[in-house]
Amino acid sequence: MTTWSDLTGFQRDVLEETARLERDGEDPYGLAIKEMLEEQHGEVLHGQLYQNLNTLVDDGLLERDELDGRTNSYTLTSDAKAMLEESIYRRADACELLVTDGGER
């Protein structure tokens, strides 16, 4: 099973941006994820993005669904959500911060 520490920083960012798009009710398709990543990384090459999306699908962290004939949507699996949550708790603990879920669970 893939762990958070097995992922590259870029792959972690892909998961985080996918989660943000899902949270905001937007379709997390490749170009939407790319636009969000470019705010942090500058230009993101097509091949770099899709190679990492495919790896995350193969690792069972993203599910790929077809939106139309050319566009795929990516959603977090329960494993990916658990990894993101654990990462947040570990970082907060390291900084002695309290993490709350906002009462929305």
Protein backbone atom coordinates (compact mmCIF):
# COMPACT_ATOMS: atom_id res chain seq x y z
CA MET A 1 0.00 0.00 0.00
CA THR A 2 1.25 3.47 -0.89
CA THR A 3 1.91 5.77 2.06
CA TRP A 4 2.06 9.57 2.26
CA SER A 5 5.86 9.42 2.50
CA ASP A 6 6.00 7.29 -0.69
CA LEU A 7 4.47 10.15 -2.68
CA THR A 8 6.42 12.97 -4.28
CA GLY A 9 5.65 16.51 -3.20
CA PHE A 10 3.96 17.07 -6.55
CA GLN A 11 1.72 14.02 -6.07
CA ARG A 12 0.77 15.25 -2.60
CA ASP A 13 -0.14 18.62 -4.11
CA VAL A 14 -2.25 16.87 -6.77
CA LEU A 15 -4.23 15.12 -4.04
CA GLU A 16 -4.66 18.35 -2.06
CA GLU A 17 -5.85 20.33 -5.09
CA THR A 18 -8.22 17.53 -6.10
CA ALA A 19 -9.66 17.64 -2.58
CA ARG A 20 -10.12 21.42 -2.81
CA LEU A 21 -11.95 21.14 -6.12
CA GLU A 22 -14.21 18.42 -4.70
CA ARG A 23 -14.87 20.52 -1.59
CA ASP A 24 -15.85 23.50 -3.74
CA GLY A 25 -18.26 21.39 -5.80
CA GLU A 26 -16.19 21.69 -8.97
CA ASP A 27 -15.29 18.86 -11.34
CA PRO A 28 -11.67 17.89 -10.62
CA TYR A 29 -10.66 17.31 -14.23
CA GLY A 30 -7.09 17.50 -15.48
CA LEU A 31 -6.99 21.13 -16.61
CA ALA A 32 -8.70 22.37 -13.43
CA ILE A 33 -6.15 20.51 -11.32
CA LYS A 34 -3.35 21.86 -13.54
CA GLU A 35 -4.52 25.47 -13.10
CA MET A 36 -4.53 25.13 -9.32
CA LEU A 37 -1.10 23.48 -9.28
CA GLU A 38 0.34 26.26 -11.44
CA GLU A 39 -0.46 28.76 -8.67
CA GLN A 40 2.16 26.94 -6.56
CA HIS A 41 4.54 25.42 -9.09
CA GLY A 42 4.51 27.78 -12.05
CA GLU A 43 4.09 26.07 -15.41
CA VAL A 44 3.03 22.44 -15.11
CA LEU A 45 3.66 20.40 -18.22
CA HIS A 46 0.87 18.23 -19.61
CA GLY A 47 3.01 15.09 -19.42
CA GLN A 48 4.07 15.78 -15.85
CA LEU A 49 0.48 16.18 -14.70
CA TYR A 50 -1.01 13.18 -16.47
CA GLN A 51 1.87 10.86 -15.61
CA ASN A 52 1.30 11.67 -11.94
CA LEU A 53 -2.49 11.41 -12.22
CA ASN A 54 -2.07 7.96 -13.79
CA THR A 55 0.33 6.91 -11.03
CA LEU A 56 -2.15 8.03 -8.36
CA VAL A 57 -4.93 6.11 -10.12
CA ASP A 58 -2.71 3.01 -10.31
CA ASP A 59 -1.85 3.40 -6.62
CA GLY A 60 -5.56 3.44 -5.72
CA LEU A 61 -5.56 7.04 -4.49
CA LEU A 62 -7.61 8.56 -7.30
CA GLU A 63 -10.50 7.22 -9.33
CA ARG A 64 -10.79 8.26 -12.97
CA ASP A 65 -14.20 8.76 -14.56
CA GLU A 66 -14.97 9.98 -18.06
CA LEU A 67 -16.77 13.34 -18.19
CA ASP A 68 -17.00 13.39 -21.98
CA GLY A 69 -15.15 11.82 -24.87
CA ARG A 70 -11.89 13.65 -24.11
CA THR A 71 -12.11 14.76 -20.48
CA ASN A 72 -11.58 12.67 -17.38
CA SER A 73 -12.57 13.60 -13.86
CA TYR A 74 -10.53 12.47 -10.87
CA THR A 75 -11.89 11.87 -7.38
CA LEU A 76 -10.14 10.95 -4.16
CA THR A 77 -10.54 7.42 -2.89
CA SER A 78 -11.22 6.76 0.77
CA ASP A 79 -7.54 5.80 1.14
CA ALA A 80 -6.45 9.18 -0.23
CA LYS A 81 -8.85 11.04 2.07
CA ALA A 82 -7.50 9.12 5.05
CA MET A 83 -3.93 9.94 4.01
CA LEU A 84 -4.70 13.65 3.71
CA GLU A 85 -6.43 13.68 7.08
CA GLU A 86 -3.56 11.85 8.78
CA SER A 87 -1.08 14.28 7.24
CA ILE A 88 -2.98 17.23 8.65
CA TYR A 89 -3.11 15.74 12.12
CA ARG A 90 0.62 14.92 12.05
CA ARG A 91 1.56 18.45 10.94
CA ALA A 92 -0.74 20.05 13.49
CA ASP A 93 0.69 17.87 16.25
CA ALA A 94 4.24 18.83 15.27
CA CYS A 95 3.27 22.50 15.66
CA GLU A 96 1.22 21.87 18.81
CA LEU A 97 -1.96 23.04 17.06
CA LEU A 98 -5.46 21.77 17.65
CA VAL A 99 -7.26 20.43 14.59
CA THR A 100 -11.04 20.54 14.40
CA ASP A 101 -13.33 19.34 11.66
CA GLY A 102 -15.63 22.35 11.93
CA GLY A 103 -18.46 20.12 13.11
CA GLU A 104 -19.25 19.03 9.56
CA ARG A 105 -18.52 15.32 9.89
